[in-house]
Amino acid sequence: MSYTTWTKTSKAYSDYLVASQRCVAAFSETKAETVETAETIIPEPVLGTWVHPKTGQTRYYVNNVATLIGLSYTRYNTGNISSAALAGKYISNSEANRVLGNVSYCKVWMDEDNQLHMKAPHSFSNCRSIAAADVLTVVRGSLVAHGYMTNTQ
């Protein structure tokens, strides 16, 4: 299936777009404002592989969750965040620290049964801009878009 066909017919792609728009809408002045784009470029996930030494089960960890959810930021020389954006909309530095802290400590992986899992210490409960379910939806959309996962979920 071609990328164009997939983007027009896939439920995972539409879920990805909905989650991205939800992130953008969270920072717009009015909740009714949505962002419509003709084509969205989905970043490719960076996967790490781990094999359980006793059972032999393989897990594929997603190592670039921050990039996949659209978090971009710059830092001062002191290490503090100087500016940040989530899904193309500017967010406060303190919110960027909360999101980055949650993303840094969360683990997202896919197992051999094509199931996606996430373990997060705070489950993004302290973030106003993004929820754990949105993170999983965006990651699933990226994995499906790049052929790492089938569109069965």
C-alpha atoms as a PDB file:
ATOM      1  CA  MET A   1       0.000   0.000   0.000  1.00  0.00           C
ATOM      2  CA  SER A   2       1.405   3.384  -0.927  1.00  0.00           C
ATOM      3  CA  TYR A   3       1.862   6.195   1.582  1.00  0.00           C
ATOM      4  CA  THR A   4      -0.798   8.281  -0.177  1.00  0.00           C
ATOM      5  CA  THR A   5      -3.344   5.449  -0.065  1.00  0.00           C
ATOM      6  CA  TRP A   6      -2.493   4.730   3.555  1.00  0.00           C
ATOM      7  CA  THR A   7      -2.987   8.369   4.624  1.00  0.00           C
ATOM      8  CA  LYS A   8      -6.392   8.464   2.940  1.00  0.00           C
ATOM      9  CA  THR A   9      -7.713   5.134   4.294  1.00  0.00           C
ATOM     10  CA  SER A  10      -5.928   4.356   7.559  1.00  0.00           C
ATOM     11  CA  LYS A  11      -7.612   4.670  10.950  1.00  0.00           C
ATOM     12  CA  ALA A  12      -4.216   4.914  12.682  1.00  0.00           C
ATOM     13  CA  TYR A  13      -3.318   7.909  10.509  1.00  0.00           C
ATOM     14  CA  SER A  14      -6.608   9.630  11.275  1.00  0.00           C
ATOM     15  CA  ASP A  15      -6.076   8.912  14.999  1.00  0.00           C
ATOM     16  CA  TYR A  16      -2.592  10.417  14.690  1.00  0.00           C
ATOM     17  CA  LEU A  17      -4.004  13.580  13.117  1.00  0.00           C
ATOM     18  CA  VAL A  18      -6.739  13.855  15.749  1.00  0.00           C
ATOM     19  CA  ALA A  19      -4.205  13.540  18.595  1.00  0.00           C
ATOM     20  CA  SER A  20      -1.931  16.108  16.961  1.00  0.00           C
ATOM     21  CA  GLN A  21      -4.813  18.528  16.520  1.00  0.00           C
ATOM     22  CA  ARG A  22      -5.849  17.973  20.151  1.00  0.00           C
ATOM     23  CA  CYS A  23      -2.361  19.018  21.246  1.00  0.00           C
ATOM     24  CA  VAL A  24      -2.527  22.125  19.074  1.00  0.00           C
ATOM     25  CA  ALA A  25      -6.045  22.997  20.254  1.00  0.00           C
ATOM     26  CA  ALA A  26      -4.921  22.840  23.884  1.00  0.00           C
ATOM     27  CA  PHE A  27      -2.793  25.926  23.338  1.00  0.00           C
ATOM     28  CA  SER A  28      -4.999  27.924  21.055  1.00  0.00           C
ATOM     29  CA  GLU A  29      -6.958  30.788  22.550  1.00  0.00           C
ATOM     30  CA  THR A  30     -10.222  29.217  21.508  1.00  0.00           C
ATOM     31  CA  LYS A  31     -10.840  25.483  21.680  1.00  0.00           C
ATOM     32  CA  ALA A  32     -12.794  25.592  18.405  1.00  0.00           C
ATOM     33  CA  GLU A  33      -9.699  26.543  16.397  1.00  0.00           C
ATOM     34  CA  THR A  34      -8.165  23.571  14.595  1.00  0.00           C
ATOM     35  CA  VAL A  35      -5.190  23.310  12.327  1.00  0.00           C
ATOM     36  CA  GLU A  36      -5.809  21.813   8.920  1.00  0.00           C
ATOM     37  CA  THR A  37      -2.864  20.846   6.781  1.00  0.00           C
ATOM     38  CA  ALA A  38      -2.827  19.261   3.350  1.00  0.00           C
ATOM     39  CA  GLU A  39      -0.080  16.838   4.329  1.00  0.00           C
ATOM     40  CA  THR A  40       1.487  16.046   7.675  1.00  0.00           C
ATOM     41  CA  ILE A  41       5.029  14.739   7.818  1.00  0.00           C
ATOM     42  CA  ILE A  42       5.231  11.994  10.425  1.00  0.00           C
ATOM     43  CA  PRO A  43       8.644  11.631  12.059  1.00  0.00           C
ATOM     44  CA  GLU A  44      10.181   8.168  11.986  1.00  0.00           C
ATOM     45  CA  PRO A  45      10.486   6.381  15.321  1.00  0.00           C
ATOM     46  CA  VAL A  46      13.932   5.401  16.582  1.00  0.00           C
ATOM     47  CA  LEU A  47      13.667   1.895  17.990  1.00  0.00           C
ATOM     48  CA  GLY A  48      15.908   0.043  20.407  1.00  0.00           C
ATOM     49  CA  THR A  49      15.677  -3.730  20.793  1.00  0.00           C
ATOM     50  CA  TRP A  50      15.804  -5.653  24.056  1.00  0.00           C
ATOM     51  CA  VAL A  51      15.548  -9.413  24.431  1.00  0.00           C
ATOM     52  CA  HIS A  52      14.512 -10.846  27.798  1.00  0.00           C
ATOM     53  CA  PRO A  53      17.375 -13.106  28.897  1.00  0.00           C
ATOM     54  CA  LYS A  54      15.181 -15.836  30.410  1.00  0.00           C
ATOM     55  CA  THR A  55      12.070 -15.908  28.222  1.00  0.00           C
ATOM     56  CA  GLY A  56      13.556 -14.742  24.929  1.00  0.00           C
ATOM     57  CA  GLN A  57      10.715 -12.244  24.355  1.00  0.00           C
ATOM     58  CA  THR A  58      11.715  -9.208  22.307  1.00  0.00           C
ATOM     59  CA  ARG A  59      10.678  -5.642  23.047  1.00  0.00           C
ATOM     60  CA  TYR A  60      11.151  -2.725  20.675  1.00  0.00           C
ATOM     61  CA  TYR A  61      11.540   0.492  22.675  1.00  0.00           C
ATOM     62  CA  VAL A  62      10.686   3.859  21.119  1.00  0.00           C
ATOM     63  CA  ASN A  63      13.610   6.141  21.939  1.00  0.00           C
ATOM     64  CA  ASN A  64      12.401   9.450  20.476  1.00  0.00           C
ATOM     65  CA  VAL A  65       8.978   9.983  22.046  1.00  0.00           C
ATOM     66  CA  ALA A  66       9.568  13.742  22.457  1.00  0.00           C
ATOM     67  CA  THR A  67      10.189  14.130  18.727  1.00  0.00           C
ATOM     68  CA  LEU A  68       7.168  12.027  17.815  1.00  0.00           C
ATOM     69  CA  ILE A  69       4.759  14.116  19.915  1.00  0.00           C
ATOM     70  CA  GLY A  70       6.171  17.287  18.367  1.00  0.00           C
ATOM     71  CA  LEU A  71       8.060  18.704  21.352  1.00  0.00           C
ATOM     72  CA  SER A  72      10.797  21.096  20.325  1.00  0.00           C
ATOM     73  CA  TYR A  73      12.747  23.367  22.638  1.00  0.00           C
ATOM     74  CA  THR A  74      15.898  25.430  22.976  1.00  0.00           C
ATOM     75  CA  ARG A  75      17.988  25.992  26.071  1.00  0.00           C
ATOM     76  CA  TYR A  76      20.023  28.797  27.550  1.00  0.00           C
ATOM     77  CA  ASN A  77      23.692  28.133  28.370  1.00  0.00           C
ATOM     78  CA  THR A  78      22.570  27.539  31.962  1.00  0.00           C
ATOM     79  CA  GLY A  79      20.503  24.547  30.850  1.00  0.00           C
ATOM     80  CA  ASN A  80      17.112  26.172  31.427  1.00  0.00           C
ATOM     81  CA  ILE A  81      14.558  26.028  28.619  1.00  0.00           C
ATOM     82  CA  SER A  82      14.432  29.312  26.718  1.00  0.00           C
ATOM     83  CA  SER A  83      11.547  28.529  24.356  1.00  0.00           C
ATOM     84  CA  ALA A  84       9.395  25.512  23.558  1.00  0.00           C
ATOM     85  CA  ALA A  85       6.653  24.339  21.242  1.00  0.00           C
ATOM     86  CA  LEU A  86       4.405  21.302  21.222  1.00  0.00           C
ATOM     87  CA  ALA A  87       2.908  20.295  17.880  1.00  0.00           C
ATOM     88  CA  GLY A  88       3.868  23.669  16.430  1.00  0.00           C
ATOM     89  CA  LYS A  89       2.305  25.847  19.139  1.00  0.00           C
ATOM     90  CA  TYR A  90       4.373  27.695  21.698  1.00  0.00           C
ATOM     91  CA  ILE A  91       4.081  26.506  25.292  1.00  0.00           C
ATOM     92  CA  SER A  92       5.395  27.941  28.519  1.00  0.00           C
ATOM     93  CA  ASN A  93       8.845  26.922  29.696  1.00  0.00           C
ATOM     94  CA  SER A  94       7.429  25.362  32.857  1.00  0.00           C
ATOM     95  CA  GLU A  95       4.956  23.282  30.821  1.00  0.00           C
ATOM     96  CA  ALA A  96       7.811  22.223  28.547  1.00  0.00           C
ATOM     97  CA  ASN A  97       9.739  21.080  31.629  1.00  0.00           C
ATOM     98  CA  ARG A  98       6.730  19.050  32.789  1.00  0.00           C
ATOM     99  CA  VAL A  99       6.241  17.417  29.383  1.00  0.00           C
ATOM    100  CA  LEU A 100       9.964  16.773  28.957  1.00  0.00           C
ATOM    101  CA  GLY A 101      10.178  15.286  32.449  1.00  0.00           C
ATOM    102  CA  ASN A 102       7.309  12.913  31.734  1.00  0.00           C
ATOM    103  CA  VAL A 103       8.677  11.953  28.315  1.00  0.00           C
ATOM    104  CA  SER A 104      12.179  11.424  29.708  1.00  0.00           C
ATOM    105  CA  TYR A 105      11.000   8.950  32.322  1.00  0.00           C
ATOM    106  CA  CYS A 106       8.323   7.145  30.337  1.00  0.00           C
ATOM    107  CA  LYS A 107       9.015   3.956  28.440  1.00  0.00           C
ATOM    108  CA  VAL A 108       7.060   3.122  25.317  1.00  0.00           C
ATOM    109  CA  TRP A 109       7.562  -0.259  23.708  1.00  0.00           C
ATOM    110  CA  MET A 110       6.044  -2.658  21.222  1.00  0.00           C
ATOM    111  CA  ASP A 111       6.131  -6.382  21.899  1.00  0.00           C
ATOM    112  CA  GLU A 112       6.246  -9.314  19.472  1.00  0.00           C
ATOM    113  CA  ASP A 113       2.426  -9.535  19.529  1.00  0.00           C
ATOM    114  CA  ASN A 114       2.143  -6.065  17.956  1.00  0.00           C
ATOM    115  CA  GLN A 115       0.866  -4.536  21.213  1.00  0.00           C
ATOM    116  CA  LEU A 116       1.966  -1.070  22.284  1.00  0.00           C
ATOM    117  CA  HIS A 117       2.707  -0.459  25.975  1.00  0.00           C
ATOM    118  CA  MET A 118       3.675   2.560  28.044  1.00  0.00           C
ATOM    119  CA  LYS A 119       5.039   2.833  31.542  1.00  0.00           C
ATOM    120  CA  ALA A 120       5.153   6.372  32.893  1.00  0.00           C
ATOM    121  CA  PRO A 121       5.780   7.387  36.507  1.00  0.00           C
ATOM    122  CA  HIS A 122       3.178  10.172  36.518  1.00  0.00           C
ATOM    123  CA  SER A 123       1.116   9.161  33.451  1.00  0.00           C
ATOM    124  CA  PHE A 124       1.313  12.800  32.305  1.00  0.00           C
ATOM    125  CA  SER A 125      -1.172  13.763  35.031  1.00  0.00           C
ATOM    126  CA  ASN A 126       0.731  16.973  35.768  1.00  0.00           C
ATOM    127  CA  CYS A 127       0.703  18.111  32.116  1.00  0.00           C
ATOM    128  CA  ARG A 128      -2.014  20.365  30.794  1.00  0.00           C
ATOM    129  CA  SER A 129      -0.912  20.089  27.186  1.00  0.00           C
ATOM    130  CA  ILE A 130      -0.885  16.359  26.470  1.00  0.00           C
ATOM    131  CA  ALA A 131      -2.322  13.173  27.963  1.00  0.00           C
ATOM    132  CA  ALA A 132      -0.817   9.688  28.076  1.00  0.00           C
ATOM    133  CA  ALA A 133      -3.482   8.409  25.668  1.00  0.00           C
ATOM    134  CA  ASP A 134      -2.484  11.082  23.152  1.00  0.00           C
ATOM    135  CA  VAL A 135       1.159  10.023  23.437  1.00  0.00           C
ATOM    136  CA  LEU A 136       0.256   6.410  22.679  1.00  0.00           C
ATOM    137  CA  THR A 137      -1.957   7.435  19.760  1.00  0.00           C
ATOM    138  CA  VAL A 138       0.773   9.569  18.198  1.00  0.00           C
ATOM    139  CA  VAL A 139       3.432   6.877  18.691  1.00  0.00           C
ATOM    140  CA  ARG A 140       1.116   4.186  17.264  1.00  0.00           C
ATOM    141  CA  GLY A 141       0.399   6.366  14.230  1.00  0.00           C
ATOM    142  CA  SER A 142       4.104   6.857  13.606  1.00  0.00           C
ATOM    143  CA  LEU A 143       4.876   3.136  13.992  1.00  0.00           C
ATOM    144  CA  VAL A 144       2.096   2.212  11.561  1.00  0.00           C
ATOM    145  CA  ALA A 145       3.046   4.941   9.088  1.00  0.00           C
ATOM    146  CA  HIS A 146       6.598   3.674   8.839  1.00  0.00           C
ATOM    147  CA  GLY A 147       5.693  -0.007   8.698  1.00  0.00           C
ATOM    148  CA  TYR A 148       6.911  -1.093  12.138  1.00  0.00           C
ATOM    149  CA  MET A 149       3.428  -2.058  13.264  1.00  0.00           C
ATOM    150  CA  THR A 150       0.324  -3.286  11.467  1.00  0.00           C
ATOM    151  CA  ASN A 151      -2.911  -1.327  11.559  1.00  0.00           C
ATOM    152  CA  THR A 152      -4.860  -3.904  13.576  1.00  0.00           C
ATOM    153  CA  GLN A 153      -5.358  -1.960  16.831  1.00  0.00           C
END
